């Protein structure tokens, strides 16, 4: 009898311990390469440099999960970006600039709170042929596809082939302010469906500007400025190939300006298409084209991208990425974006070519 009671007690303790099971995983990516750009300044000079995070942003992070029982789990992510070429932090003002959130997850989905990828980011990872790589992808012409939101509540639920998601950010790059509920807020919703080789997705996103003040205390940007975006895209896989196609609409209101647009309150249509091909288990090729149509102007640029990737192992790969931008009628898109802070400022109407070769390791 005593042995039976002892065995029962051990079994009860083991069952209770199962509910308390938890794990924390350290992970990351280290990515660096050599890049070339022509027409990189007003004089038309070439630029040669070492660059970090070309195919994937260099990062390290902690991911945790705890089994709370009954199918409920506690989850968290802390993720920090860094520059491989210098060893510096990706953002000197944020330790976990890429993500810092905590939440709960069960069979009905996950709800998380903190700094997180926007639904635009999630959408781009699936439907951009280049998977929003830094060099080069849809983020050059539409940077919102690599955006993150502070102070955000996010829901993601998957039910068979259907995935539903929603996000609400109270304010971005600042603190919530009494009496200014719409100041800097963002909200969005998305649906996607995947069945066999086919997938399709759609989303809507709206964001308000953050009120800022100059040294004299005069308001210079109004929180009533807002930008609305909507997108639809799909993929289809057959054999070793996968085709991509998508469309994104954006419109600024109340003085808001879309990046690359010549004036405020303008709208734009962005179209893209691409093809990925797995030649061998280790070697893949991807190509894509992006066309940005700004309303009420003919300054509409094209961008072409091609990437080759060779996997040396499951964790380490070599890559080459090429991009060519064709500007017209005064548009000023560069292979890295519209006059980016990386000192590659393409002159209006000038075309640009960029090339990057590098190595990436995942751990």
Protein backbone atom coordinates (compact mmCIF):
# COMPACT_ATOMS: atom_id res chain seq x y z
CA UNK A 1 0.00 0.00 0.00
CA UNK A 2 2.82 2.39 0.90
CA UNK A 3 4.54 1.69 -2.44
CA UNK A 4 1.29 2.38 -4.31
CA UNK A 5 0.82 5.70 -2.50
CA UNK A 6 4.43 6.66 -3.20
CA UNK A 7 4.03 5.84 -6.92
CA UNK A 8 0.83 7.87 -7.10
CA UNK A 9 2.54 10.87 -5.47
CA UNK A 10 5.44 10.68 -7.93
CA UNK A 11 3.02 10.50 -10.87
CA UNK A 12 1.12 13.54 -9.56
CA UNK A 13 4.31 15.54 -9.16
CA UNK A 14 5.43 14.54 -12.66
CA UNK A 15 2.10 15.63 -14.12
CA UNK A 16 2.30 18.97 -12.32
CA UNK A 17 5.87 19.43 -13.52
CA UNK A 18 4.79 18.86 -17.11
CA UNK A 19 2.58 21.93 -16.92
CA UNK A 20 5.53 24.00 -15.74
CA UNK A 21 7.83 22.95 -18.57
CA UNK A 22 9.57 25.93 -20.13
CA UNK A 23 12.44 26.67 -22.47
CA UNK A 24 14.53 29.64 -23.54
CA UNK A 25 16.36 29.62 -26.88
CA UNK A 26 19.29 31.79 -27.90
CA UNK A 27 19.29 32.42 -31.66
CA UNK A 28 20.68 34.82 -34.21
CA UNK A 29 22.00 35.72 -37.65
CA UNK A 30 25.40 37.11 -38.62
CA UNK A 31 25.42 38.55 -42.16
CA UNK A 32 28.12 40.63 -43.90
CA UNK A 33 29.29 41.30 -47.44
CA UNK A 34 30.96 43.62 -49.92
CA UNK A 35 28.84 46.08 -51.90
CA UNK A 36 29.27 48.27 -54.97
CA UNK A 37 27.08 51.14 -56.16
CA UNK A 38 27.53 53.48 -59.08
CA UNK A 39 26.29 57.08 -59.21
CA UNK A 40 26.32 57.21 -55.42
CA UNK A 41 26.55 61.02 -55.08
CA UNK A 42 26.00 64.27 -56.97
CA UNK A 43 29.33 63.86 -58.77
CA UNK A 44 28.38 60.40 -60.02
CA UNK A 45 31.16 58.64 -58.08
CA UNK A 46 31.21 54.90 -57.36
CA UNK A 47 30.98 53.58 -53.82
CA UNK A 48 32.75 50.45 -52.52
CA UNK A 49 32.07 49.34 -48.95
CA UNK A 50 31.47 46.51 -46.49
CA UNK A 51 27.84 46.18 -45.45
CA UNK A 52 26.02 44.31 -42.67
CA UNK A 53 22.71 42.48 -42.81
CA UNK A 54 22.31 42.24 -46.56
CA UNK A 55 20.04 39.22 -46.88
CA UNK A 56 18.98 39.07 -43.23
CA UNK A 57 19.50 41.72 -40.59
CA UNK A 58 22.32 40.70 -38.24
CA UNK A 59 20.77 40.00 -34.85
CA UNK A 60 20.74 37.98 -31.66
CA UNK A 61 17.72 37.13 -29.59
CA UNK A 62 16.06 35.16 -26.84
CA UNK A 63 12.83 33.27 -27.43
CA UNK A 64 10.96 31.67 -24.53
CA UNK A 65 7.90 29.50 -24.02
CA UNK A 66 6.26 28.06 -20.88
CA UNK A 67 3.55 25.40 -20.87
CA UNK A 68 0.84 26.69 -18.52
CA UNK A 69 -1.41 23.67 -18.97
CA UNK A 70 -4.69 23.17 -20.82
CA UNK A 71 -3.07 24.13 -24.13
CA UNK A 72 -2.13 27.60 -22.85
CA UNK A 73 1.46 28.83 -23.19
CA UNK A 74 3.31 31.92 -22.08
CA UNK A 75 5.67 33.30 -24.75
CA UNK A 76 8.22 36.10 -25.11
CA UNK A 77 10.81 37.39 -27.59
CA UNK A 78 13.70 39.82 -27.04
CA UNK A 79 15.64 40.56 -30.24
CA UNK A 80 18.53 42.98 -30.79
CA UNK A 81 20.08 44.03 -34.10
CA UNK A 82 23.75 44.82 -34.62
CA UNK A 83 26.16 45.83 -37.38
CA UNK A 84 28.54 43.03 -38.28
CA UNK A 85 31.00 45.36 -40.04
CA UNK A 86 31.60 47.53 -36.95
CA UNK A 87 30.22 45.52 -34.03
CA UNK A 88 27.98 48.44 -33.06
CA UNK A 89 24.36 48.23 -31.98
CA UNK A 90 21.75 48.47 -34.70
CA UNK A 91 19.99 51.16 -32.67
CA UNK A 92 21.89 53.06 -29.98
CA UNK A 93 18.62 54.08 -28.28
CA UNK A 94 17.12 50.59 -27.99
CA UNK A 95 18.65 47.41 -26.61
CA UNK A 96 16.00 45.21 -28.25
CA UNK A 97 15.28 47.30 -31.33
CA UNK A 98 14.02 44.41 -33.44
CA UNK A 99 11.47 43.09 -30.97
CA UNK A 100 10.49 43.04 -27.30
CA UNK A 101 7.16 41.45 -26.49
CA UNK A 102 5.37 39.00 -24.19
CA UNK A 103 2.06 37.22 -24.52
CA UNK A 104 -0.14 34.14 -24.34
CA UNK A 105 -0.84 31.47 -26.95
CA UNK A 106 -3.34 28.61 -27.33
CA UNK A 107 -5.25 26.82 -30.09
CA UNK A 108 -7.14 30.04 -30.86
CA UNK A 109 -4.00 32.01 -31.59
CA UNK A 110 -1.48 34.28 -29.87
CA UNK A 111 -1.89 37.72 -28.28
CA UNK A 112 1.35 39.62 -27.67
CA UNK A 113 2.19 43.04 -26.23
CA UNK A 114 5.28 45.20 -26.85
CA UNK A 115 7.46 46.26 -29.76
CA UNK A 116 6.66 44.00 -32.72
CA UNK A 117 6.76 43.56 -36.46
CA UNK A 118 3.82 45.24 -38.17
CA UNK A 119 1.44 43.27 -40.36
CA UNK A 120 3.05 45.00 -43.35
CA UNK A 121 6.33 43.34 -42.33
CA UNK A 122 4.67 39.93 -41.93
CA UNK A 123 2.97 40.36 -45.31
CA UNK A 124 6.25 41.20 -47.04
CA UNK A 125 8.03 38.17 -45.61
CA UNK A 126 5.49 35.92 -47.34
CA UNK A 127 4.69 37.73 -50.58
CA UNK A 128 7.84 39.65 -51.52
CA UNK A 129 9.99 37.37 -53.73
CA UNK A 130 13.12 38.69 -51.99
CA UNK A 131 11.61 38.19 -48.49
CA UNK A 132 12.30 41.88 -47.67
CA UNK A 133 16.09 41.48 -47.68
CA UNK A 134 17.99 44.70 -47.03
CA UNK A 135 19.81 44.40 -50.38
CA UNK A 136 17.64 44.37 -52.36
CA UNK A 137 13.84 44.01 -52.12
CA UNK A 138 10.45 45.68 -51.93
CA UNK A 139 11.68 47.69 -48.93
CA UNK A 140 13.76 49.90 -51.23
CA UNK A 141 10.67 51.41 -52.80
CA UNK A 142 8.24 50.86 -49.90
CA UNK A 143 10.05 50.95 -46.55
CA UNK A 144 6.86 50.24 -44.58
CA UNK A 145 7.27 46.55 -45.44
CA UNK A 146 10.12 46.47 -42.90
CA UNK A 147 8.37 48.50 -40.19
CA UNK A 148 7.88 47.76 -36.50
CA UNK A 149 5.40 49.17 -34.01
CA UNK A 150 5.98 50.24 -30.41
CA UNK A 151 3.35 49.90 -27.68
CA UNK A 152 1.52 47.38 -29.82
CA UNK A 153 -1.07 44.68 -29.16
CA UNK A 154 -0.99 41.96 -31.82
CA UNK A 155 -3.13 38.92 -32.53
CA UNK A 156 -2.28 36.06 -34.92
CA UNK A 157 -4.44 32.96 -35.27
CA UNK A 158 -4.21 30.08 -37.75
CA UNK A 159 -7.20 27.83 -38.47
CA UNK A 160 -6.35 25.23 -41.07
CA UNK A 161 -5.21 27.13 -44.15
CA UNK A 162 -6.61 30.46 -42.94
CA UNK A 163 -4.54 32.93 -40.91
CA UNK A 164 -6.11 36.04 -39.37
CA UNK A 165 -4.11 38.82 -37.73
CA UNK A 166 -4.68 42.26 -36.25
CA UNK A 167 -2.48 44.93 -34.67
CA UNK A 168 -3.09 48.10 -32.69
CA UNK A 169 -0.22 50.40 -31.71
CA UNK A 170 -1.04 53.14 -29.20
CA UNK A 171 1.87 55.29 -30.39
CA UNK A 172 5.19 54.83 -32.17
CA UNK A 173 8.57 56.31 -31.20
CA UNK A 174 7.17 58.04 -28.15
CA UNK A 175 4.81 57.83 -25.19
CA UNK A 176 1.04 57.90 -25.04
CA UNK A 177 -0.24 61.46 -24.44
CA UNK A 178 -3.39 62.41 -22.57
CA UNK A 179 -5.94 64.09 -24.82
CA UNK A 180 -4.22 62.88 -28.02
CA UNK A 181 -5.56 59.38 -28.47
CA UNK A 182 -4.80 59.27 -32.21
CA UNK A 183 -1.28 60.68 -31.84
CA UNK A 184 1.10 58.24 -33.55
CA UNK A 185 -1.31 55.33 -33.47
CA UNK A 186 -1.41 52.53 -36.06
CA UNK A 187 -3.92 49.79 -36.63
CA UNK A 188 -4.15 47.06 -39.24
CA UNK A 189 -5.81 43.76 -40.09
CA UNK A 190 -4.88 40.96 -42.47
CA UNK A 191 -6.15 37.65 -43.81
CA UNK A 192 -4.24 34.99 -45.73
CA UNK A 193 -5.14 31.58 -47.05
CA UNK A 194 -2.84 28.77 -48.16
CA UNK A 195 -3.89 25.49 -49.76
CA UNK A 196 -1.41 23.17 -51.45
CA UNK A 197 0.77 25.17 -53.85
CA UNK A 198 -1.43 28.28 -53.72
CA UNK A 199 -1.58 31.17 -51.25
CA UNK A 200 -3.27 34.57 -51.23
CA UNK A 201 -3.31 37.42 -48.72
CA UNK A 202 -4.79 40.86 -48.16
CA UNK A 203 -4.29 43.59 -45.55
CA UNK A 204 -5.30 47.09 -44.53
CA UNK A 205 -3.14 49.47 -42.49
CA UNK A 206 -3.62 53.02 -41.21
CA UNK A 207 -1.09 55.10 -39.29
CA UNK A 208 -1.07 58.62 -37.83
CA UNK A 209 1.92 60.92 -37.56
CA UNK A 210 3.47 61.66 -34.16
CA UNK A 211 3.15 65.25 -32.90
CA UNK A 212 6.56 66.92 -32.73
CA UNK A 213 7.63 70.38 -31.58
CA UNK A 214 10.59 72.54 -32.51
CA UNK A 215 12.83 74.43 -30.08
CA UNK A 216 10.31 77.26 -29.84
CA UNK A 217 7.56 74.84 -28.83
CA UNK A 218 5.66 75.31 -32.10
CA UNK A 219 3.97 72.18 -33.40
CA UNK A 220 5.57 71.19 -36.73
CA UNK A 221 3.91 67.84 -37.50
CA UNK A 222 0.28 67.17 -36.70
CA UNK A 223 -0.96 63.88 -35.34
CA UNK A 224 -3.99 64.30 -37.63
CA UNK A 225 -1.74 63.45 -40.59
CA UNK A 226 -2.43 59.88 -41.59
CA UNK A 227 -1.52 57.34 -44.23
CA UNK A 228 -3.75 54.54 -45.43
CA UNK A 229 -2.39 51.44 -47.14
CA UNK A 230 -3.93 48.29 -48.57
CA UNK A 231 -2.30 45.33 -50.29
CA UNK A 232 -3.18 42.06 -51.97
CA UNK A 233 -0.75 39.41 -53.19
CA UNK A 234 -0.44 35.74 -53.99
CA UNK A 235 2.02 32.94 -54.70
CA UNK A 236 1.87 29.68 -56.64
CA UNK A 237 4.45 26.88 -56.46
CA UNK A 238 4.98 24.23 -59.12
CA UNK A 239 7.86 21.81 -59.04
CA UNK A 240 11.03 23.64 -58.02
CA UNK A 241 9.57 27.05 -59.01
CA UNK A 242 7.42 29.61 -57.21
CA UNK A 243 5.80 32.69 -58.73
CA UNK A 244 4.85 35.86 -56.85
CA UNK A 245 2.59 38.81 -57.69
CA UNK A 246 1.26 41.68 -55.61
CA UNK A 247 -0.18 45.18 -55.40
CA UNK A 248 -0.04 47.87 -52.69
CA UNK A 249 -2.05 51.11 -52.56
CA UNK A 250 -1.02 54.03 -50.34
CA UNK A 251 -2.53 57.50 -49.80
CA UNK A 252 -1.49 60.36 -47.51
CA UNK A 253 -4.10 62.64 -45.93
CA UNK A 254 -4.06 65.94 -44.00
CA UNK A 255 -0.54 66.82 -45.12
CA UNK A 256 1.03 63.36 -44.89
CA UNK A 257 3.63 62.51 -47.53
CA UNK A 258 4.34 59.04 -48.90
CA UNK A 259 8.07 58.31 -49.20
CA UNK A 260 9.22 59.15 -52.71
CA UNK A 261 6.14 61.18 -53.58
CA UNK A 262 6.77 64.76 -54.81
CA UNK A 263 3.96 66.33 -52.77
CA UNK A 264 1.83 65.78 -49.68
CA UNK A 265 -1.65 64.24 -49.85
CA UNK A 266 -0.63 62.14 -52.83
CA UNK A 267 -1.29 58.48 -53.59
CA UNK A 268 0.72 55.70 -55.15
CA UNK A 269 0.30 52.25 -56.65
CA UNK A 270 3.08 49.70 -56.22
CA UNK A 271 3.10 46.56 -58.38
CA UNK A 272 5.51 43.64 -58.14
CA UNK A 273 6.14 40.18 -59.56
CA UNK A 274 8.86 37.58 -59.17
CA UNK A 275 10.05 34.03 -59.61
CA UNK A 276 12.04 31.77 -57.31
CA UNK A 277 13.69 28.59 -58.62
CA UNK A 278 15.43 25.84 -56.61
CA UNK A 279 18.00 24.47 -59.06
CA UNK A 280 19.45 22.02 -56.53
CA UNK A 281 18.81 21.44 -52.81
CA UNK A 282 21.69 23.85 -52.12
CA UNK A 283 21.43 26.39 -54.98
CA UNK A 284 18.53 28.79 -55.60
CA UNK A 285 17.85 31.75 -57.88
CA UNK A 286 15.30 34.52 -57.36
CA UNK A 287 14.29 37.45 -59.56
CA UNK A 288 11.79 40.24 -59.07
CA UNK A 289 10.59 43.51 -60.54
CA UNK A 290 8.90 46.46 -58.78
CA UNK A 291 7.06 49.35 -60.42
CA UNK A 292 6.07 52.39 -58.34
CA UNK A 293 3.35 54.55 -59.89
CA UNK A 294 2.91 57.90 -58.14
CA UNK A 295 -0.41 59.54 -58.90
CA UNK A 296 -0.53 62.86 -60.77
CA UNK A 297 3.12 62.61 -61.86
CA UNK A 298 5.15 60.66 -64.41
CA UNK A 299 8.14 60.32 -62.06
CA UNK A 300 7.60 56.57 -61.70
CA UNK A 301 10.66 54.34 -61.08
CA UNK A 302 11.31 50.67 -61.86
CA UNK A 303 13.55 48.35 -59.83
CA UNK A 304 14.91 44.97 -60.95
CA UNK A 305 16.52 42.50 -58.52
CA UNK A 306 18.25 39.13 -58.97
CA UNK A 307 19.76 36.97 -56.20
CA UNK A 308 21.70 33.70 -56.19
CA UNK A 309 22.13 31.76 -52.95
CA UNK A 310 24.27 28.69 -52.27
CA UNK A 311 23.92 26.80 -48.98
CA UNK A 312 27.19 25.42 -47.64
CA UNK A 313 25.23 23.81 -44.79
CA UNK A 314 21.89 24.20 -43.02
CA UNK A 315 23.29 27.23 -41.20
CA UNK A 316 25.78 28.90 -43.55
CA UNK A 317 25.23 30.21 -47.09
CA UNK A 318 26.89 32.41 -49.71
CA UNK A 319 24.90 34.92 -51.76
CA UNK A 320 25.12 37.39 -54.61
CA UNK A 321 22.48 40.06 -55.13
CA UNK A 322 22.18 42.51 -58.04
CA UNK A 323 19.81 45.42 -58.53
CA UNK A 324 19.17 48.02 -61.23
CA UNK A 325 16.89 51.03 -60.81
CA UNK A 326 15.51 52.92 -63.80
CA UNK A 327 14.36 56.43 -62.88
CA UNK A 328 12.41 58.70 -65.18
CA UNK A 329 11.06 62.23 -65.21
CA UNK A 330 12.81 63.23 -62.02
CA UNK A 331 12.19 60.19 -59.79
CA UNK A 332 15.07 59.52 -57.39
CA UNK A 333 14.87 55.90 -56.27
CA UNK A 334 18.20 54.22 -55.48
CA UNK A 335 18.83 50.51 -55.10
CA UNK A 336 18.76 51.06 -51.30
CA UNK A 337 15.78 53.42 -51.30
CA UNK A 338 14.78 57.03 -51.87
CA UNK A 339 17.88 59.08 -50.95
CA UNK A 340 18.77 56.88 -48.00
CA UNK A 341 20.89 57.83 -44.99
CA UNK A 342 23.56 55.36 -46.16
CA UNK A 343 25.19 58.09 -48.31
CA UNK A 344 23.79 56.72 -51.57
CA UNK A 345 21.89 59.72 -52.84
CA UNK A 346 20.81 59.17 -56.42
CA UNK A 347 20.27 62.34 -58.40
CA UNK A 348 16.76 62.90 -59.81
CA UNK A 349 16.33 61.05 -63.07
CA UNK A 350 19.61 59.10 -62.78
CA UNK A 351 19.64 55.30 -62.96
CA UNK A 352 21.67 53.20 -60.53
CA UNK A 353 23.23 49.73 -60.32
CA UNK A 354 24.15 47.91 -57.13
CA UNK A 355 25.81 44.58 -56.37
CA UNK A 356 26.50 42.72 -53.13
CA UNK A 357 28.31 39.46 -52.35
CA UNK A 358 28.40 38.04 -48.84
CA UNK A 359 28.11 35.25 -46.33
CA UNK A 360 25.40 34.55 -43.75
CA UNK A 361 25.41 32.28 -40.72
CA UNK A 362 22.37 31.37 -38.62
CA UNK A 363 22.59 29.98 -35.10
